[in-house]
Every structure is written in C-alpha cells, then in structure tokens.
Amino acid sequence: MAKEYDLVLLGGGTGGYVTAARAARFGLKTAIVEKEKLGGTCLHKGCIPTKALLKSAEVFQQVKNAKQFGVEVKETQFHLNQAIERKNQIINTLHNGVKSLVQSAEIDVYQGYGRILGPSIFSPMAGSISVEYQDGRENDILVPKNVIIATGSAPNTLPGLEIDGEKVITSDHALTLNELPTSIMIVGAGVIGVEWASFFQDVGVEVTLIEAEEQILPHMDQDISSEMSKLLTKRGIQVLTNTAVDPNTLRKQDQVEVETTNGKKIKTDLMLVAVGRKANTQNIGLENTDIRTSSNGFIEVNKYFQTKESHIYAIGDVNGGKQLAHAATYEGNIAVEHIAGNYPSLLKETAIPSCVYGNIEIATIGLSESDAKLQGKTVKISKTSFQAIGKAHVNGDVSGFAKIILDKNNDDVLGVHLIGKNVTELIGQASLIQYFDGSGIETSEAVYPHPSLSEIIGEVALAAEGRKIHG
C-alpha cells in the first residue's frame, strides 16, 4: 500500500535530518529514506570523525611541547587505536542524539534505498519514492507532495589511480586504519587533503602533499593559501604544487611508488587520494523526472533549491554548492520555508563560512581579494598578525594573521579571512558582520574582550580604517 506524506527526504545526513525536523515543526507529515545510518557522511565519515582525530593529534602535540609552559612530560606516545575508539564513541553518542531527535519529532524513517519514480498509478507527477530493502522485503511506496533530495556526495577518484582500500585509499579508509604508516602521499591539497596532512604530520608520519594547481587550497584567498603552504612546509610537510601524478607509473608492492608529470619519483607506504567529492545522483531515479544535472553531475536548482520539477528540491553536496554541512542545513531551511508557503530571506553563497581544521586552522567568509577585483570592486585590504594579539602569546602560538577586504566606495565588509590557531572559533563573528551588511568602521568599533583571540577582528578593521593600535 502506498503511504502518503507532505514531504519525503531522500537522504538522512545532516542536511536531511535537520531539514526533516524543521518540516515537522511546520506540521508537515515527514519521512526520511536513508540506506545507511542517520547522520550521513558528516557524522560518520566526515566532519565529526576527522575533527575527533585532529583533536587527538593536537593534544599529542600539546603534550610533546608542554615544556614551554613549564610542564615536563618524560614520555609521549600516540596510540591510534585509542584515538579511533574515542572517535567512535563520539560518533555513537551523537548518532543516538540524532535518532532521539528524529523520533521525538515523529518523523518516519525508512532504512532502505530510495528511488524516484516517474508518473505512475501512485501519482500523476514524478516524485513517488520506491524504498528497496536489502533483506528482500517488499518495496514500500511513498507518495509525497514534496521531495527533498539530500543524498550527499562520495570521494572522487582519478582515472588510473584505482582505490584498493589498502595501498591507495580515500578519506573514508583513513578513518579506520589499524596502524599508522611511516610515510604517506596525499594527492589533492584541497580542504580534505590539507586536514589529513595536518593529522598525519602531527602524529609523526612523513607527509608529501601534491596539488596540480598553482596553490594549495585553490579556491581560497591567495594570501591565506600561501601562508598555509609556508606553515605546512615549516612543520616538515613536503608541499608540491603545479604537480600532477602520472597514473601510468603507479606501482604497488611493499610501498606505493609513482612519478609526477614533471619527473619526480615519490615512494611512500600509502597514497591517499583527496581530489574532491562527487554527487550521489546515480541510481536514484533522476531519469524518471525532468530534473536537470550539470556536466559534472550536480543537480541544477533555483534560489529556493527547487529542481526543474518544482515539487522536488535538492540540498547539500548533491546540488554543487558549498559542500559543507552547515550549507546543507541552511539550504534545507530555505526549501522547507518555501514548501510551507513562506518567502525566506536568502543569503549569498559567499555569506556561508568555510573552515579548514588542523594544527593551524583557516576560517573564511565572503569574497577573496581576487574575486572582489574580478567583480570590478575597488577594494581596501588590511592584514594583522597574531603577533599583535596578547592571547595568542599566552596560548603559545602567534603564527598566522587576519585579513579584511573592504569596499572602498561604501566601506562594506566584502570578506574576512583568518589563519592561525583556533580561528574556526572566531568566524561566527564575521558571519554576523556579513549577515547584517556590516561596515569596516562598525567592525572596528565593536568591543572585543581582552585578552582574547577575537581582538584580531577589531584590530584588522582598525588597521583598514587607518587607526591601527597594535601590530
């Protein structure tokens, strides 16, 4: 028998279950179809587990360097199995919380594989969902008034560099390693590659980071990217840019050996391929609809995240926007508001912050300097080093800086870019500045507590206004 709903979410990751909870609060009868576990990539294979391991690596480094704080530790060891166990405990705790949230919101969950059906006896429109079960049970048919596709993404691969899960791995495999390699090459120096480079270097692995573009973190502000490259190199990571791997030279025996297109030979215990993520759109029934996809496989949507089928929406990684959990939840909120008949306020994609985690962090929002100039804006640029911030000295790490980009014509804050220790905890302030169309002078005249790392936001704005105090 077909079951009717106001809304069905195809995918129960962060975007999916948060969106479902919002829909339920609007009084919409809601269901989630999820083939694995609620929480999706972010909870089980992405945001949370990687940050848990990065935290273990950070603590290891703090203990190793405790002498500078007057604390002597005679012996320090990193136990990967214990770090993995801690990571698993965190995931289990949060997973139970997600299940409780969904249950309390009275959202139905179908643990199976969902496919979108075309017009049929169940509905004259495309959008009914067939739920297939691995245990051989008869399919359930869900007939929703609206569908939100939130199927997420999976690690991308490179032709010729076949993933075997042993010598050539993805970030998914890195989360379940039984032991640390002595050395690793990471192909791709985007966010995922840089975060894993930071982890492995912190726990004593020799790291080679390879990027085909001119700079690591190719889509970030050039000053931030250059500074991160310098800091990674200073920490002992070999950073190779303008360098591509020749897959025809790949050899796998005791070690992985490969040559780059510029003739350099690299041999390590493992190769981690981190070349972005691809949309999970295969075999979900898009061919039964009028939904359009781009040349690289992402679902095309409008400003309310509607597809070509107006009652079917697509949020999160699957639509080709920012591949971030908080972007997915924002998009889901817009979609639900629209389904409910409201007209929500819309943010530009640049108003969604991006972060890179690790020993040294990056947090950024708004336009990069190059993007602002490409848009024809006359800009005013200012940078302030953490050397100027007392709390950074107290914390024992003054590397990095803040950069602010202002529109010279109206003083609007176009972008804020931070690199340094724990800067991901500061970007929320810049996010508010962007949300309220803040100006440079407003940013400079807000009161920041002393001593705190947040003072750098005020300091860099003061510097941009020509009223620099420190640094």
Protein backbone atom coordinates (compact mmCIF):
# COMPACT_ATOMS: atom_id res chain seq x y z
CA MET A 1 0.00 0.00 0.00
CA ALA A 2 1.28 3.47 -0.85
CA LYS A 3 1.92 5.79 2.09
CA GLU A 4 1.26 9.50 1.73
CA TYR A 5 3.41 12.29 3.13
CA ASP A 6 3.72 16.04 2.87
CA LEU A 7 7.48 15.69 2.50
CA VAL A 8 9.98 12.89 1.96
CA LEU A 9 13.71 13.45 2.42
CA LEU A 10 15.88 11.26 0.23
CA GLY A 11 18.93 11.01 2.47
CA GLY A 12 19.29 11.31 6.25
CA GLY A 13 22.60 13.13 6.58
CA THR A 14 22.99 16.41 8.43
CA GLY A 15 21.07 18.32 5.77
CA GLY A 16 18.39 15.64 5.62
CA TYR A 17 17.56 15.06 9.28
CA VAL A 18 17.80 18.74 10.28
CA THR A 19 15.53 19.68 7.38
CA ALA A 20 13.10 16.93 8.35
CA ALA A 21 12.98 18.26 11.91
CA ARG A 22 12.23 21.77 10.63
CA ALA A 23 9.48 20.42 8.39
CA ALA A 24 7.91 18.52 11.29
CA ARG A 25 7.77 21.74 13.31
CA PHE A 26 5.74 23.27 10.47
CA GLY A 27 3.27 20.43 10.94
CA LEU A 28 4.29 18.62 7.75
CA LYS A 29 3.97 14.84 7.80
CA THR A 30 7.57 13.91 7.06
CA ALA A 31 9.65 10.82 6.30
CA ILE A 32 13.34 10.15 5.71
CA VAL A 33 14.70 7.43 3.46
CA GLU A 34 18.29 6.53 4.39
CA LYS A 35 20.19 3.47 3.19
CA GLU A 36 22.79 3.55 5.98
CA LYS A 37 22.76 5.48 9.28
CA LEU A 38 21.15 8.78 10.16
CA GLY A 39 23.79 11.49 10.26
CA GLY A 40 25.29 10.65 6.90
CA THR A 41 28.82 11.48 5.79
CA CYS A 42 29.29 14.40 8.18
CA LEU A 43 28.63 12.36 11.31
CA HIS A 44 30.07 9.00 10.28
CA LYS A 45 32.81 9.67 7.70
CA GLY A 46 33.46 13.41 7.51
CA CYS A 47 33.16 16.42 9.79
CA ILE A 48 32.91 14.76 13.19
CA PRO A 49 35.30 11.78 12.91
CA THR A 50 38.06 13.76 11.19
CA LYS A 51 37.85 16.55 13.76
CA ALA A 52 37.93 13.99 16.57
CA LEU A 53 41.17 12.55 15.20
CA LEU A 54 42.59 16.03 14.64
CA LYS A 55 41.84 16.83 18.28
CA SER A 56 43.73 13.72 19.42
CA ALA A 57 46.67 14.78 17.26
CA GLU A 58 46.51 18.31 18.69
CA VAL A 59 46.60 17.01 22.27
CA PHE A 60 49.57 14.80 21.37
CA GLN A 61 51.43 17.86 20.08
CA GLN A 62 50.49 19.90 23.16
CA VAL A 63 51.89 17.24 25.46
CA LYS A 64 55.07 16.92 23.37
CA ASN A 65 55.59 20.67 23.61
CA ALA A 66 54.43 21.09 27.22
CA LYS A 67 57.89 22.15 28.40
CA GLN A 68 57.39 25.66 27.03
CA PHE A 69 54.54 26.03 29.55
CA GLY A 70 56.65 24.79 32.46
CA VAL A 71 55.29 21.25 32.34
CA GLU A 72 57.70 18.35 31.92
CA VAL A 73 56.49 15.07 30.43
CA LYS A 74 59.03 12.26 30.32
CA GLU A 75 57.48 10.11 27.60
CA THR A 76 54.80 10.75 24.98
CA GLN A 77 53.20 8.19 22.70
CA PHE A 78 50.31 8.36 20.27
CA HIS A 79 48.05 5.30 20.23
CA LEU A 80 45.98 5.26 17.04
CA ASN A 81 43.65 2.53 18.30
CA GLN A 82 42.68 4.63 21.32
CA ALA A 83 42.15 7.72 19.17
CA ILE A 84 39.94 5.65 16.84
CA GLU A 85 37.98 4.33 19.82
CA ARG A 86 37.42 7.86 21.14
CA LYS A 87 36.29 8.91 17.66
CA ASN A 88 33.83 6.00 17.55
CA GLN A 89 32.42 6.87 20.99
CA ILE A 90 31.79 10.45 19.88
CA ILE A 91 30.03 9.24 16.74
CA ASN A 92 27.87 6.79 18.71
CA THR A 93 26.85 9.45 21.22
CA LEU A 94 25.88 11.92 18.52
CA HIS A 95 24.17 9.23 16.44
CA ASN A 96 21.96 8.33 19.39
CA GLY A 97 21.15 12.02 19.77
CA VAL A 98 20.11 12.26 16.11
CA LYS A 99 17.89 9.19 16.43
CA SER A 100 16.23 10.68 19.51
CA LEU A 101 15.69 14.00 17.71
CA VAL A 102 14.03 12.31 14.74
CA GLN A 103 11.91 10.10 16.97
CA SER A 104 10.74 13.00 19.15
CA ALA A 105 9.74 14.94 16.01
CA GLU A 106 7.61 11.94 14.93
CA ILE A 107 9.46 11.59 11.63
CA ASP A 108 9.13 8.21 9.93
CA VAL A 109 12.47 6.64 8.93
CA TYR A 110 12.77 4.03 6.18
CA GLN A 111 16.16 2.33 6.25
CA GLY A 112 16.46 1.35 2.62
CA TYR A 113 17.49 2.61 -0.79
CA GLY A 114 15.16 5.21 -2.25
CA ARG A 115 14.46 5.71 -5.95
CA ILE A 116 12.30 8.39 -7.51
CA LEU A 117 9.52 7.07 -9.71
CA GLY A 118 8.03 8.76 -12.75
CA PRO A 119 4.30 9.34 -13.23
CA SER A 120 2.53 6.14 -12.26
CA ILE A 121 -0.61 4.69 -10.75
CA PHE A 122 0.53 6.22 -7.44
CA SER A 123 0.75 9.80 -8.69
CA PRO A 124 0.34 11.65 -11.99
CA MET A 125 3.57 13.51 -11.21
CA ALA A 126 7.10 12.20 -10.87
CA GLY A 127 8.26 12.07 -7.27
CA SER A 128 6.85 8.96 -5.61
CA ILE A 129 9.62 7.08 -3.83
CA SER A 130 10.22 3.35 -4.01
CA VAL A 131 12.10 2.14 -0.94
CA GLU A 132 14.14 -1.01 -1.59
CA TYR A 133 15.37 -3.21 1.25
CA GLN A 134 18.46 -5.43 1.31
CA ASP A 135 16.70 -8.14 3.31
CA GLY A 136 14.32 -8.90 0.46
CA ARG A 137 11.22 -7.28 1.94
CA GLU A 138 8.67 -5.92 -0.49
CA ASN A 139 9.31 -2.34 -1.52
CA ASP A 140 7.47 0.44 0.25
CA ILE A 141 5.99 3.15 -1.96
CA LEU A 142 5.90 6.66 -0.52
CA VAL A 143 3.74 9.29 -2.21
CA PRO A 144 4.82 12.75 -1.04
CA LYS A 145 3.54 16.16 -2.03
CA ASN A 146 7.16 17.34 -2.00
CA VAL A 147 10.57 15.67 -2.14
CA ILE A 148 13.93 16.97 -0.99
CA ILE A 149 16.95 15.18 -2.43
CA ALA A 150 19.74 15.20 0.15
CA THR A 151 21.81 12.24 -0.98
CA GLY A 152 25.17 13.96 -0.43
CA SER A 153 28.45 13.04 -2.08
CA ALA A 154 31.22 10.45 -2.18
CA PRO A 155 35.01 10.72 -2.59
CA ASN A 156 36.12 11.46 -6.13
CA THR A 157 38.73 9.33 -7.82
CA LEU A 158 41.31 9.83 -10.56
CA PRO A 159 41.46 7.62 -13.67
CA GLY A 160 44.27 5.11 -13.27
CA LEU A 161 44.56 5.54 -9.50
CA GLU A 162 42.17 2.76 -8.56
CA ILE A 163 41.20 2.75 -4.89
CA ASP A 164 42.02 -0.61 -3.30
CA GLY A 165 41.48 0.39 0.34
CA GLU A 166 44.92 -0.92 1.27
CA LYS A 167 47.70 0.96 -0.51
CA VAL A 168 45.60 3.53 -2.35
CA ILE A 169 42.90 4.88 -0.06
CA THR A 170 40.33 7.65 0.34
CA SER A 171 39.49 9.67 3.43
CA ASP A 172 36.86 7.03 4.27
CA HIS A 173 39.56 4.37 4.61
CA ALA A 174 41.85 6.71 6.58
CA LEU A 175 39.27 6.81 9.36
CA THR A 176 39.62 3.09 10.03
CA LEU A 177 43.37 2.49 9.72
CA ASN A 178 44.69 -0.20 12.06
CA GLU A 179 48.13 1.34 12.26
CA LEU A 180 49.93 4.46 11.19
CA PRO A 181 52.10 4.35 8.09
CA THR A 182 55.65 5.62 8.23
CA SER A 183 55.00 7.82 5.20
CA ILE A 184 52.06 8.91 3.09
CA MET A 185 51.50 10.90 -0.09
CA ILE A 186 48.26 12.84 -0.33
CA VAL A 187 47.07 13.56 -3.86
CA GLY A 188 44.97 16.73 -3.74
CA ALA A 189 45.57 19.70 -1.46
CA GLY A 190 42.06 20.99 -1.02
CA VAL A 191 40.41 21.11 2.39
CA ILE A 192 40.33 17.32 2.85
CA GLY A 193 43.94 16.84 1.77
CA VAL A 194 45.27 19.63 3.98
CA GLU A 195 43.38 18.41 7.05
CA TRP A 196 44.70 14.87 6.65
CA ALA A 197 48.21 16.22 6.03
CA SER A 198 47.96 18.07 9.34
CA PHE A 199 46.79 14.97 11.19
CA PHE A 200 49.42 12.61 9.83
CA GLN A 201 52.26 15.08 10.34
CA ASP A 202 51.18 15.75 13.93
CA VAL A 203 51.33 12.05 14.81
CA GLY A 204 54.77 11.52 13.29
CA VAL A 205 54.07 10.37 9.73
CA GLU A 206 56.22 11.71 6.88
CA VAL A 207 53.82 13.56 4.56
CA THR A 208 54.05 14.59 0.90
CA LEU A 209 51.18 16.82 -0.24
CA ILE A 210 50.63 17.01 -4.02
CA GLU A 211 48.48 19.60 -5.80
CA ALA A 212 48.02 20.02 -9.56
CA GLU A 213 47.01 23.70 -9.27
CA GLU A 214 49.34 26.63 -8.66
CA GLN A 215 48.43 26.82 -4.97
CA ILE A 216 47.13 24.51 -2.29
CA LEU A 217 43.52 25.23 -1.28
CA PRO A 218 42.94 26.54 -4.83
CA HIS A 219 39.61 28.23 -4.13
CA MET A 220 40.75 30.22 -1.11
CA ASP A 221 42.27 33.69 -0.86
CA GLN A 222 45.80 33.57 -2.23
CA ASP A 223 47.40 35.15 0.86
CA ILE A 224 45.75 32.55 3.09
CA SER A 225 46.78 29.70 0.81
CA SER A 226 50.39 30.92 0.61
CA GLU A 227 50.62 31.28 4.38
CA MET A 228 49.26 27.78 4.94
CA SER A 229 51.76 26.39 2.45
CA LYS A 230 54.60 28.09 4.34
CA LEU A 231 53.37 26.83 7.71
CA LEU A 232 52.94 23.26 6.46
CA THR A 233 56.43 23.32 4.95
CA LYS A 234 57.87 24.72 8.18
CA ARG A 235 56.32 21.81 10.05
CA GLY A 236 58.09 19.32 7.77
CA ILE A 237 55.44 18.52 5.16
CA GLN A 238 56.71 18.36 1.59
CA VAL A 239 54.32 20.55 -0.41
CA LEU A 240 54.35 20.12 -4.19
CA THR A 241 52.22 22.46 -6.32
CA ASN A 242 51.89 22.58 -10.10
CA THR A 243 52.43 18.84 -9.79
CA ALA A 244 50.24 16.03 -11.11
CA VAL A 245 50.62 12.30 -10.60
CA ASP A 246 51.13 10.14 -13.70
CA PRO A 247 48.79 7.17 -13.10
CA ASN A 248 50.67 5.08 -15.67
CA THR A 249 53.67 4.98 -13.34
CA LEU A 250 51.79 3.68 -10.31
CA ARG A 251 53.46 0.66 -8.69
CA LYS A 252 52.18 -1.09 -5.55
CA GLN A 253 54.33 -3.56 -3.64
CA ASP A 254 55.52 -3.02 -0.08
CA GLN A 255 55.20 0.67 -0.83
CA VAL A 256 53.34 2.85 -3.31
CA GLU A 257 55.56 4.34 -5.98
CA VAL A 258 54.59 6.92 -8.57
CA GLU A 259 56.14 9.53 -10.82
CA THR A 260 54.81 13.04 -11.26
CA THR A 261 54.31 14.65 -14.65
CA ASN A 262 57.42 16.74 -14.03
CA GLY A 263 59.57 13.65 -13.48
CA LYS A 264 59.74 13.46 -9.70
CA LYS A 265 59.62 9.97 -8.16
CA ILE A 266 57.70 9.55 -4.91
CA LYS A 267 57.61 6.40 -2.79
CA THR A 268 55.55 6.09 0.41
CA ASP A 269 53.71 3.48 2.46
CA LEU A 270 50.28 4.80 1.47
CA MET A 271 48.64 7.03 -1.09
CA LEU A 272 45.56 8.98 -0.02
CA VAL A 273 43.51 10.34 -2.94
CA ALA A 274 41.72 13.54 -1.88
CA VAL A 275 40.55 15.16 -5.11
CA GLY A 276 37.15 16.40 -4.05
CA ARG A 277 33.75 14.76 -3.91
CA LYS A 278 31.13 13.80 -6.50
CA ALA A 279 27.35 14.00 -6.20
CA ASN A 280 25.44 10.88 -5.20
CA THR A 281 22.93 11.01 -8.05
CA GLN A 282 23.45 7.59 -9.61
CA ASN A 283 20.54 5.16 -9.48
CA ILE A 284 18.18 7.44 -7.55
CA GLY A 285 15.70 7.73 -10.42
CA LEU A 286 16.55 11.15 -11.85
CA GLU A 287 15.98 9.71 -15.32
CA ASN A 288 12.31 9.31 -14.40
CA THR A 289 11.96 13.07 -13.93
CA ASP A 290 12.62 16.33 -15.76
CA ILE A 291 15.38 17.18 -13.26
CA ARG A 292 18.48 18.58 -14.94
CA THR A 293 22.07 17.96 -13.93
CA SER A 294 25.22 19.89 -14.82
CA SER A 295 28.07 18.47 -16.87
CA ASN A 296 29.82 17.35 -13.69
CA GLY A 297 26.76 15.55 -12.34
CA PHE A 298 25.32 18.01 -9.83
CA ILE A 299 21.59 18.73 -9.72
CA GLU A 300 20.59 22.15 -11.01
CA VAL A 301 18.43 24.22 -8.63
CA ASN A 302 16.98 27.72 -8.34
CA LYS A 303 17.34 30.15 -5.42
CA TYR A 304 14.83 28.16 -3.35
CA PHE A 305 16.69 24.93 -4.23
CA GLN A 306 13.89 23.68 -6.46
CA THR A 307 14.82 21.45 -9.36
CA LYS A 308 13.16 21.57 -12.78
CA GLU A 309 10.39 19.58 -11.10
CA SER A 310 9.05 22.36 -8.87
CA HIS A 311 7.91 20.00 -6.08
CA ILE A 312 11.31 18.31 -5.91
CA TYR A 313 14.16 20.16 -4.21
CA ALA A 314 17.88 19.32 -3.87
CA ILE A 315 20.08 20.47 -0.99
CA GLY A 316 23.63 19.95 0.20
CA ASP A 317 26.55 18.41 -1.66
CA VAL A 318 24.30 16.99 -4.38
CA ASN A 319 23.49 20.41 -5.89
CA GLY A 320 27.06 21.59 -6.49
CA GLY A 321 27.08 24.45 -3.99
CA LYS A 322 29.36 24.65 -0.99
CA GLN A 323 29.97 21.11 0.21
CA LEU A 324 29.54 21.91 3.89
CA ALA A 325 27.14 20.51 6.48
CA HIS A 326 26.03 23.98 7.61
CA ALA A 327 25.41 24.95 3.98
CA ALA A 328 23.14 21.92 3.61
CA THR A 329 21.14 22.80 6.72
CA TYR A 330 20.74 26.41 5.54
CA GLU A 331 19.55 25.23 2.13
CA GLY A 332 17.16 22.76 3.74
CA ASN A 333 15.65 25.53 5.85
CA ILE A 334 15.08 27.66 2.74
CA ALA A 335 13.47 24.72 0.94
CA VAL A 336 11.11 23.92 3.85
CA GLU A 337 10.14 27.56 4.30
CA HIS A 338 9.28 27.69 0.60
CA ILE A 339 7.29 24.45 0.78
CA ALA A 340 5.39 25.91 3.72
CA GLY A 341 4.39 28.89 1.60
CA ASN A 342 6.79 31.39 3.11
CA TYR A 343 9.35 33.55 1.32
CA PRO A 344 12.54 33.23 3.35
CA SER A 345 15.37 35.73 3.26
CA LEU A 346 18.19 34.44 1.09
CA LEU A 347 21.92 34.63 1.68
CA LYS A 348 24.58 34.79 -0.97
CA GLU A 349 26.75 31.69 -1.08
CA THR A 350 29.69 33.89 -0.06
CA ALA A 351 27.92 34.60 3.25
CA ILE A 352 28.40 30.96 4.28
CA PRO A 353 31.69 30.49 6.18
CA SER A 354 34.26 27.86 5.24
CA CYS A 355 36.81 26.31 7.58
CA VAL A 356 39.93 24.16 7.42
CA TYR A 357 40.81 22.33 10.63
CA GLY A 358 44.12 21.08 11.91
CA ASN A 359 47.19 22.19 13.81
CA ILE A 360 46.80 25.54 12.07
CA GLU A 361 43.26 26.45 11.04
CA ILE A 362 41.67 28.59 8.36
CA ALA A 363 38.31 30.33 8.62
CA THR A 364 36.97 32.45 5.81
CA ILE A 365 33.80 34.20 4.70
CA GLY A 366 32.89 36.49 1.84
CA LEU A 367 34.93 37.31 -1.23
CA SER A 368 38.60 36.62 -1.68
CA GLU A 369 40.75 39.53 -2.82
CA SER A 370 40.98 38.18 -6.37
CA ASP A 371 37.22 37.52 -6.61
CA ALA A 372 36.42 41.02 -5.35
CA LYS A 373 38.67 42.53 -8.00
CA LEU A 374 37.21 40.26 -10.69
CA GLN A 375 33.81 41.68 -9.80
CA GLY A 376 35.17 45.15 -10.51
CA LYS A 377 35.15 46.32 -6.92
CA THR A 378 37.63 48.91 -5.66
CA VAL A 379 38.95 47.32 -2.50
CA LYS A 380 40.84 48.28 0.62
CA ILE A 381 42.92 45.45 2.10
CA SER A 382 44.34 45.12 5.60
CA LYS A 383 46.20 42.35 7.42
CA THR A 384 47.07 41.98 11.09
CA SER A 385 49.39 39.33 12.52
CA PHE A 386 48.58 37.29 15.61
CA GLN A 387 51.88 38.68 16.89
CA ALA A 388 49.77 41.70 17.87
CA ILE A 389 47.33 39.66 19.99
CA GLY A 390 48.19 39.02 23.64
CA LYS A 391 46.07 35.88 23.94
CA ALA A 392 47.99 34.29 21.04
CA HIS A 393 51.22 34.77 23.02
CA VAL A 394 49.56 33.30 26.11
CA ASN A 395 48.43 30.31 24.06
CA GLY A 396 51.97 29.79 22.78
CA ASP A 397 51.36 30.19 19.04
CA VAL A 398 51.44 33.53 17.21
CA SER A 399 51.54 32.17 13.64
CA GLY A 400 49.00 33.41 11.13
CA PHE A 401 47.00 36.57 10.57
CA ALA A 402 43.63 38.13 9.86
CA LYS A 403 42.82 39.75 6.53
CA ILE A 404 39.86 42.01 5.83
CA ILE A 405 38.62 43.16 2.44
CA LEU A 406 36.54 46.35 2.35
CA ASP A 407 34.71 48.06 -0.47
CA LYS A 408 36.47 51.41 -0.82
CA ASN A 409 33.30 53.10 -2.09
CA ASN A 410 30.91 52.26 0.76
CA ASP A 411 33.07 50.60 3.48
CA ASP A 412 31.14 47.30 3.25
CA VAL A 413 33.00 44.26 4.58
CA LEU A 414 33.44 42.09 1.50
CA GLY A 415 35.49 39.34 3.09
CA VAL A 416 37.20 38.22 6.29
CA HIS A 417 39.95 35.60 6.13
CA LEU A 418 41.71 34.12 9.17
CA ILE A 419 44.61 31.72 9.52
CA GLY A 420 46.07 30.64 12.84
CA LYS A 421 45.43 28.58 15.93
CA ASN A 422 41.73 28.02 16.74
CA VAL A 423 40.48 30.64 14.25
CA THR A 424 37.48 28.45 13.34
CA GLU A 425 36.02 29.58 16.67
CA LEU A 426 36.15 33.22 15.53
CA ILE A 427 34.45 33.12 12.14
CA GLY A 428 30.94 33.25 13.63
CA GLN A 429 31.54 36.91 14.45
CA ALA A 430 32.47 37.62 10.85
CA SER A 431 29.39 35.69 9.75
CA LEU A 432 27.21 38.10 11.72
CA ILE A 433 29.03 41.04 10.15
CA GLN A 434 28.20 39.64 6.72
CA TYR A 435 24.59 38.90 7.65
CA PHE A 436 23.97 42.47 8.80
CA ASP A 437 25.93 44.03 5.91
CA GLY A 438 28.43 45.39 8.40
CA SER A 439 30.95 48.06 7.54
CA GLY A 440 34.62 48.36 8.35
CA ILE A 441 34.02 51.12 10.89
CA GLU A 442 31.25 49.14 12.62
CA THR A 443 33.57 46.15 12.84
CA SER A 444 36.36 48.30 14.28
CA GLU A 445 34.17 50.00 16.89
CA ALA A 446 32.61 46.85 18.36
CA VAL A 447 34.05 45.97 21.77
CA TYR A 448 36.15 42.79 21.88
CA PRO A 449 37.10 41.20 25.21
CA HIS A 450 40.74 41.36 26.29
CA PRO A 451 42.65 39.14 26.25
CA SER A 452 41.01 37.07 23.53
CA LEU A 453 41.85 35.90 20.04
CA SER A 454 38.71 37.71 18.84
CA GLU A 455 40.53 41.02 19.26
CA ILE A 456 42.23 40.37 15.93
CA ILE A 457 38.95 41.07 14.10
CA GLY A 458 38.74 44.52 15.66
CA GLU A 459 42.44 45.14 15.13
CA VAL A 460 42.39 44.29 11.43
CA ALA A 461 39.35 46.51 10.92
CA LEU A 462 41.05 49.36 12.77
CA ALA A 463 44.10 48.91 10.55
CA ALA A 464 41.90 49.11 7.46
CA GLU A 465 40.44 52.37 8.76
CA GLY A 466 43.94 53.77 9.25
CA ARG A 467 43.59 53.66 13.05
CA LYS A 468 45.87 50.71 13.84
CA ILE A 469 46.76 50.31 17.52
CA HIS A 470 48.73 47.06 17.71
CA GLY A 471 50.73 45.17 15.12
